[in-house]
Amino acid sequence: MTNRTLTTLILRIAGIYLFTKIFDHFGTYFFSVYGTATMARFDELLSEPIDKFYFTGTFLTIANIVVSLFLFIKADWISKKLVKTESEIKTELNPKSLTKVILLTVGVVWLAKMIYLLPDLIEYCTKLISRLNGNEEIEMPDFALANYILKAVLTLIIIFRIEKISNWIIKKI
């Protein structure tokens, strides 16, 4: 396997993963918007917030579909642009390389989760700022800020210090 082939494979998997994320929010987003919009009583009271929520969510869903399909269909073209020289990948399985793979996998999964939860963090921060400015009527969303910050710090440490962490783990074995 070459590095360009591996990059193509990773891009296609990322496209499929991004496409499947649409179905995670399909029920909660579309059914809540259309269900609320069909009720005449709520339609008059919430027309502006629902319109903003509807257009923003619809735009993000369409953008998600376009980006995921682009990643899946154009993975070869992207990998040729990203990887200029094609070389054979040779690895041997030893404790150090296995430790690096495990650490990198954990780091990448946590990084993806941090990016996925970024809108929730922004919403939490805006409501917290509004509440600190004296608006006591704001209801705070259920968001584990300390957990988010801790995982973000650990993710960055794992990704940028993977060599030192794997050496330390190997010494302990």
C-alpha atoms as a PDB file:
ATOM      1  CA  MET A   1       0.000   0.000   0.000  1.00  0.00           C
ATOM      2  CA  THR A   2       1.266   3.462  -0.835  1.00  0.00           C
ATOM      3  CA  ASN A   3       0.842   6.675   1.109  1.00  0.00           C
ATOM      4  CA  ARG A   4      -1.406   8.090  -1.626  1.00  0.00           C
ATOM      5  CA  THR A   5      -3.660   5.017  -1.514  1.00  0.00           C
ATOM      6  CA  LEU A   6      -3.874   5.270   2.268  1.00  0.00           C
ATOM      7  CA  THR A   7      -4.783   8.972   2.014  1.00  0.00           C
ATOM      8  CA  THR A   8      -7.506   8.156  -0.517  1.00  0.00           C
ATOM      9  CA  LEU A   9      -8.885   5.455   1.757  1.00  0.00           C
ATOM     10  CA  ILE A  10      -8.901   7.783   4.769  1.00  0.00           C
ATOM     11  CA  LEU A  11     -10.670  10.534   2.785  1.00  0.00           C
ATOM     12  CA  ARG A  12     -13.359   8.115   1.614  1.00  0.00           C
ATOM     13  CA  ILE A  13     -13.915   6.841   5.144  1.00  0.00           C
ATOM     14  CA  ALA A  14     -14.129  10.441   6.394  1.00  0.00           C
ATOM     15  CA  GLY A  15     -16.709  11.198   3.695  1.00  0.00           C
ATOM     16  CA  ILE A  16     -18.811   8.190   4.662  1.00  0.00           C
ATOM     17  CA  TYR A  17     -18.520   9.056   8.366  1.00  0.00           C
ATOM     18  CA  LEU A  18     -19.547  12.661   7.711  1.00  0.00           C
ATOM     19  CA  PHE A  19     -22.481  11.503   5.601  1.00  0.00           C
ATOM     20  CA  THR A  20     -23.731   9.166   8.340  1.00  0.00           C
ATOM     21  CA  LYS A  21     -23.707  12.050  10.837  1.00  0.00           C
ATOM     22  CA  ILE A  22     -26.672  13.493   8.926  1.00  0.00           C
ATOM     23  CA  PHE A  23     -28.858  10.669  10.192  1.00  0.00           C
ATOM     24  CA  ASP A  24     -27.892  11.318  13.808  1.00  0.00           C
ATOM     25  CA  HIS A  25     -29.702  14.644  13.751  1.00  0.00           C
ATOM     26  CA  PHE A  26     -32.369  13.945  11.161  1.00  0.00           C
ATOM     27  CA  GLY A  27     -35.132  13.092  13.591  1.00  0.00           C
ATOM     28  CA  THR A  28     -34.438  15.777  16.143  1.00  0.00           C
ATOM     29  CA  TYR A  29     -33.824  18.567  13.665  1.00  0.00           C
ATOM     30  CA  PHE A  30     -36.305  18.118  10.849  1.00  0.00           C
ATOM     31  CA  PHE A  31     -39.187  16.682  12.852  1.00  0.00           C
ATOM     32  CA  SER A  32     -38.906  19.331  15.559  1.00  0.00           C
ATOM     33  CA  VAL A  33     -38.778  22.158  12.996  1.00  0.00           C
ATOM     34  CA  TYR A  34     -41.637  20.886  10.874  1.00  0.00           C
ATOM     35  CA  GLY A  35     -43.664  19.778  13.894  1.00  0.00           C
ATOM     36  CA  THR A  36     -43.363  23.161  15.554  1.00  0.00           C
ATOM     37  CA  ALA A  37     -43.984  25.064  12.329  1.00  0.00           C
ATOM     38  CA  THR A  38     -47.240  23.199  11.668  1.00  0.00           C
ATOM     39  CA  MET A  39     -48.763  24.189  14.980  1.00  0.00           C
ATOM     40  CA  ALA A  40     -50.624  27.426  14.352  1.00  0.00           C
ATOM     41  CA  ARG A  41     -50.210  28.675  17.913  1.00  0.00           C
ATOM     42  CA  PHE A  42     -46.433  28.248  17.972  1.00  0.00           C
ATOM     43  CA  ASP A  43     -46.017  29.419  14.409  1.00  0.00           C
ATOM     44  CA  GLU A  44     -47.076  32.978  15.316  1.00  0.00           C
ATOM     45  CA  LEU A  45     -45.005  33.088  18.507  1.00  0.00           C
ATOM     46  CA  LEU A  46     -41.841  31.544  17.172  1.00  0.00           C
ATOM     47  CA  SER A  47     -41.771  32.504  13.508  1.00  0.00           C
ATOM     48  CA  GLU A  48     -38.436  34.369  13.544  1.00  0.00           C
ATOM     49  CA  PRO A  49     -36.439  31.923  15.752  1.00  0.00           C
ATOM     50  CA  ILE A  50     -37.838  28.915  13.879  1.00  0.00           C
ATOM     51  CA  ASP A  51     -37.022  30.492  10.515  1.00  0.00           C
ATOM     52  CA  LYS A  52     -33.466  31.223  11.633  1.00  0.00           C
ATOM     53  CA  PHE A  53     -33.105  27.711  13.070  1.00  0.00           C
ATOM     54  CA  TYR A  54     -34.625  26.165   9.950  1.00  0.00           C
ATOM     55  CA  PHE A  55     -32.439  28.027   7.452  1.00  0.00           C
ATOM     56  CA  THR A  56     -29.236  27.579   9.459  1.00  0.00           C
ATOM     57  CA  GLY A  57     -29.855  23.878  10.059  1.00  0.00           C
ATOM     58  CA  THR A  58     -30.903  23.250   6.477  1.00  0.00           C
ATOM     59  CA  PHE A  59     -27.825  25.049   5.160  1.00  0.00           C
ATOM     60  CA  LEU A  60     -25.552  23.041   7.470  1.00  0.00           C
ATOM     61  CA  THR A  61     -27.213  19.781   6.441  1.00  0.00           C
ATOM     62  CA  ILE A  62     -26.830  20.579   2.732  1.00  0.00           C
ATOM     63  CA  ALA A  63     -23.210  21.641   3.301  1.00  0.00           C
ATOM     64  CA  ASN A  64     -22.595  18.385   5.180  1.00  0.00           C
ATOM     65  CA  ILE A  65     -24.004  16.350   2.276  1.00  0.00           C
ATOM     66  CA  VAL A  66     -21.970  18.280  -0.320  1.00  0.00           C
ATOM     67  CA  VAL A  67     -18.697  18.014   1.622  1.00  0.00           C
ATOM     68  CA  SER A  68     -19.186  14.317   2.387  1.00  0.00           C
ATOM     69  CA  LEU A  69     -19.977  13.462  -1.229  1.00  0.00           C
ATOM     70  CA  PHE A  70     -17.039  15.588  -2.424  1.00  0.00           C
ATOM     71  CA  LEU A  71     -14.701  13.734  -0.059  1.00  0.00           C
ATOM     72  CA  PHE A  72     -16.012  10.370  -1.172  1.00  0.00           C
ATOM     73  CA  ILE A  73     -16.113  11.018  -4.926  1.00  0.00           C
ATOM     74  CA  LYS A  74     -12.996  13.182  -5.315  1.00  0.00           C
ATOM     75  CA  ALA A  75     -10.780  11.304  -2.820  1.00  0.00           C
ATOM     76  CA  ASP A  76      -8.284  10.317  -5.540  1.00  0.00           C
ATOM     77  CA  TRP A  77      -7.956  13.894  -6.778  1.00  0.00           C
ATOM     78  CA  ILE A  78      -7.557  15.273  -3.227  1.00  0.00           C
ATOM     79  CA  SER A  79      -4.955  12.663  -2.325  1.00  0.00           C
ATOM     80  CA  LYS A  80      -2.950  13.521  -5.463  1.00  0.00           C
ATOM     81  CA  LYS A  81      -2.987  17.188  -4.394  1.00  0.00           C
ATOM     82  CA  LEU A  82      -2.048  16.372  -0.786  1.00  0.00           C
ATOM     83  CA  VAL A  83       0.571  13.678  -1.422  1.00  0.00           C
ATOM     84  CA  LYS A  84       3.023  14.768  -4.095  1.00  0.00           C
ATOM     85  CA  THR A  85       5.354  11.753  -4.056  1.00  0.00           C
ATOM     86  CA  GLU A  86       4.021   8.255  -3.852  1.00  0.00           C
ATOM     87  CA  SER A  87       6.020   5.861  -1.714  1.00  0.00           C
ATOM     88  CA  GLU A  88       5.461   2.398  -0.328  1.00  0.00           C
ATOM     89  CA  ILE A  89       4.401   2.185   3.306  1.00  0.00           C
ATOM     90  CA  LYS A  90       6.374  -0.349   5.289  1.00  0.00           C
ATOM     91  CA  THR A  91       5.720  -0.898   8.952  1.00  0.00           C
ATOM     92  CA  GLU A  92       6.583  -3.542  11.414  1.00  0.00           C
ATOM     93  CA  LEU A  93       4.442  -4.354  14.380  1.00  0.00           C
ATOM     94  CA  ASN A  94       6.326  -3.762  17.585  1.00  0.00           C
ATOM     95  CA  PRO A  95       5.238  -2.372  20.960  1.00  0.00           C
ATOM     96  CA  LYS A  96       6.260   1.182  20.090  1.00  0.00           C
ATOM     97  CA  SER A  97       4.413   1.330  16.746  1.00  0.00           C
ATOM     98  CA  LEU A  98       1.323  -0.315  18.256  1.00  0.00           C
ATOM     99  CA  THR A  99       1.362   2.204  21.112  1.00  0.00           C
ATOM    100  CA  LYS A 100       1.592   5.069  18.627  1.00  0.00           C
ATOM    101  CA  VAL A 101      -1.314   3.704  16.586  1.00  0.00           C
ATOM    102  CA  ILE A 102      -3.505   3.373  19.673  1.00  0.00           C
ATOM    103  CA  LEU A 103      -2.594   6.845  20.964  1.00  0.00           C
ATOM    104  CA  LEU A 104      -3.089   8.460  17.574  1.00  0.00           C
ATOM    105  CA  THR A 105      -6.451   6.737  17.122  1.00  0.00           C
ATOM    106  CA  VAL A 106      -7.635   7.988  20.522  1.00  0.00           C
ATOM    107  CA  GLY A 107      -6.347  11.475  19.713  1.00  0.00           C
ATOM    108  CA  VAL A 108      -8.061  11.624  16.325  1.00  0.00           C
ATOM    109  CA  VAL A 109     -11.375  10.292  17.680  1.00  0.00           C
ATOM    110  CA  TRP A 110     -11.331  12.815  20.538  1.00  0.00           C
ATOM    111  CA  LEU A 111     -10.404  15.606  18.109  1.00  0.00           C
ATOM    112  CA  ALA A 112     -13.340  14.670  15.876  1.00  0.00           C
ATOM    113  CA  LYS A 113     -15.631  14.726  18.907  1.00  0.00           C
ATOM    114  CA  MET A 114     -14.274  18.144  19.947  1.00  0.00           C
ATOM    115  CA  ILE A 115     -15.008  19.528  16.489  1.00  0.00           C
ATOM    116  CA  TYR A 116     -18.435  17.878  16.490  1.00  0.00           C
ATOM    117  CA  LEU A 117     -19.306  19.461  19.873  1.00  0.00           C
ATOM    118  CA  LEU A 118     -17.963  22.908  18.946  1.00  0.00           C
ATOM    119  CA  PRO A 119     -21.446  24.389  18.203  1.00  0.00           C
ATOM    120  CA  ASP A 120     -22.634  23.199  21.639  1.00  0.00           C
ATOM    121  CA  LEU A 121     -19.614  24.879  23.238  1.00  0.00           C
ATOM    122  CA  ILE A 122     -20.353  28.129  21.414  1.00  0.00           C
ATOM    123  CA  GLU A 123     -24.006  28.012  22.482  1.00  0.00           C
ATOM    124  CA  TYR A 124     -23.011  27.314  26.081  1.00  0.00           C
ATOM    125  CA  CYS A 125     -20.491  30.185  26.105  1.00  0.00           C
ATOM    126  CA  THR A 126     -22.958  32.690  24.638  1.00  0.00           C
ATOM    127  CA  LYS A 127     -25.610  31.771  27.185  1.00  0.00           C
ATOM    128  CA  LEU A 128     -23.049  31.884  29.993  1.00  0.00           C
ATOM    129  CA  ILE A 129     -21.910  35.358  28.916  1.00  0.00           C
ATOM    130  CA  SER A 130     -25.525  36.504  28.699  1.00  0.00           C
ATOM    131  CA  ARG A 131     -26.220  35.139  32.157  1.00  0.00           C
ATOM    132  CA  LEU A 132     -23.086  36.756  33.606  1.00  0.00           C
ATOM    133  CA  ASN A 133     -24.201  40.073  32.090  1.00  0.00           C
ATOM    134  CA  GLY A 134     -27.297  40.014  34.279  1.00  0.00           C
ATOM    135  CA  ASN A 135     -29.885  38.106  32.274  1.00  0.00           C
ATOM    136  CA  GLU A 136     -31.056  35.645  34.938  1.00  0.00           C
ATOM    137  CA  GLU A 137     -33.864  34.261  32.759  1.00  0.00           C
ATOM    138  CA  ILE A 138     -31.412  32.406  30.497  1.00  0.00           C
ATOM    139  CA  GLU A 139     -31.596  28.660  30.958  1.00  0.00           C
ATOM    140  CA  MET A 140     -28.163  27.081  30.728  1.00  0.00           C
ATOM    141  CA  PRO A 141     -27.852  24.095  28.368  1.00  0.00           C
ATOM    142  CA  ASP A 142     -26.610  20.751  29.628  1.00  0.00           C
ATOM    143  CA  PHE A 143     -22.979  20.833  28.509  1.00  0.00           C
ATOM    144  CA  ALA A 144     -19.989  19.390  30.358  1.00  0.00           C
ATOM    145  CA  LEU A 145     -17.560  22.277  29.909  1.00  0.00           C
ATOM    146  CA  ALA A 146     -14.872  20.837  32.200  1.00  0.00           C
ATOM    147  CA  ASN A 147     -14.989  17.492  30.362  1.00  0.00           C
ATOM    148  CA  TYR A 148     -14.728  19.285  26.999  1.00  0.00           C
ATOM    149  CA  ILE A 149     -11.730  21.347  28.089  1.00  0.00           C
ATOM    150  CA  LEU A 150      -9.980  18.346  29.673  1.00  0.00           C
ATOM    151  CA  LYS A 151     -10.427  16.178  26.578  1.00  0.00           C
ATOM    152  CA  ALA A 152      -9.310  19.021  24.305  1.00  0.00           C
ATOM    153  CA  VAL A 153      -6.104  19.491  26.316  1.00  0.00           C
ATOM    154  CA  LEU A 154      -5.448  15.742  26.454  1.00  0.00           C
ATOM    155  CA  THR A 155      -6.104  15.439  22.728  1.00  0.00           C
ATOM    156  CA  LEU A 156      -3.581  18.133  21.893  1.00  0.00           C
ATOM    157  CA  ILE A 157      -1.026  16.595  24.257  1.00  0.00           C
ATOM    158  CA  ILE A 158      -1.535  13.139  22.746  1.00  0.00           C
ATOM    159  CA  ILE A 159      -1.288  14.335  19.155  1.00  0.00           C
ATOM    160  CA  PHE A 160       1.680  16.686  19.554  1.00  0.00           C
ATOM    161  CA  ARG A 161       3.654  14.641  22.113  1.00  0.00           C
ATOM    162  CA  ILE A 162       2.952  11.143  20.795  1.00  0.00           C
ATOM    163  CA  GLU A 163       6.639  10.230  20.554  1.00  0.00           C
ATOM    164  CA  LYS A 164       7.394  11.125  24.177  1.00  0.00           C
ATOM    165  CA  ILE A 165       4.228   9.469  25.479  1.00  0.00           C
ATOM    166  CA  SER A 166       4.897   6.236  23.581  1.00  0.00           C
ATOM    167  CA  ASN A 167       8.520   6.199  24.809  1.00  0.00           C
ATOM    168  CA  TRP A 168       7.297   6.649  28.394  1.00  0.00           C
ATOM    169  CA  ILE A 169       4.749   3.832  28.001  1.00  0.00           C
ATOM    170  CA  ILE A 170       7.400   1.514  26.527  1.00  0.00           C
ATOM    171  CA  LYS A 171       9.727   2.230  29.482  1.00  0.00           C
ATOM    172  CA  LYS A 172       6.950   1.268  31.907  1.00  0.00           C
ATOM    173  CA  ILE A 173       6.393  -2.085  30.199  1.00  0.00           C
END
